[in-house]
Amino acid sequence: MNAYQVHLEIFEGPLDLLLFLIKKNDLDITDIPIAQITQEYLELLDLMKELNLEVAGEFLVMASTLMQIKSHMLLPSPEAEEEEGPDPRAELVSKLLEYQKYKQAAQFLDSRSASGYKDIFYRGSPRFNEEDKTLDLDLFGLLGALRKVLSRLPDTKELEAEAFPVEDRIRKILYLLESRPSIALEELFRDETRRGGVISCFLALLELVKLQKIFARQSGLFGEVRIFKKTELPEEIKNGTESN
């Protein structure tokens, strides 16, 4: 598979990734099993690198922090110590709780804004229906779904000379959506038996999201992911010339 760079604006930070893993595994945020979270975090980081996604330095800093906490927790406590020292996870937990609080507040304000102005339109402002949204699922949700697909692949060795053109997968996705408004994410990978093919297909998916030709939705938290064809907006709405 040729190197293929994808740059997305939906890329979020390391605290978002940690919160995603905590929710996915139904964990207590105040009592994080650091070994499990560190392993999953590093696996997703490796997957992002394999996808040629730009991994910001803050993700690598968080990886180092997790490994440091994990090492600290694995060290045996001195027998002479009568009381346990401070929990090495405390600072990270504090950051996560604070970040989660602000994120929930932002989501609440966003939902209030959307519901308060749902049926109010101003001259020159474009209207977007539900089907016109670009993305209703974050990148980490898509990566989680990709991990599931990759885990089900047979353990076969791939030849370096094998090519999995992203352009071919783009045509494949558009063809699948030609006669249907949506398809399940798993269907995109149904005929892919090689890791390179799955990765290429996923990159094609991200590229189409970036080009605003498709968008992804999830039925509930960690539910089924479906891919939808993006409906073309009328010219007057595109140009912002619609009047009340």
Foldseek 3Di string as FASTA:
>chain_A
DDQDADEDPLDDAPLVLLVLVCVVVVHDLVDDPLVVSLVVLVVLVVVCVVLNYDDDPRSVVVNVLSVVLVVVVPDDDDPPDPDDDDRSCVVVSVVSVVVVVVVVVVVVVVVCVCVVCVPPDAQLAFDDDPLQDLEPDGPSLVSVVLVVLVVPADPDDDDPPDDQALVVLLVVVCVVCVVPFKDWPVVSCPPPRDPNNSSSNVSSVSVCSVVSQKYWDADPSSHTIMIGGRDDDDPCSVRSRDHD
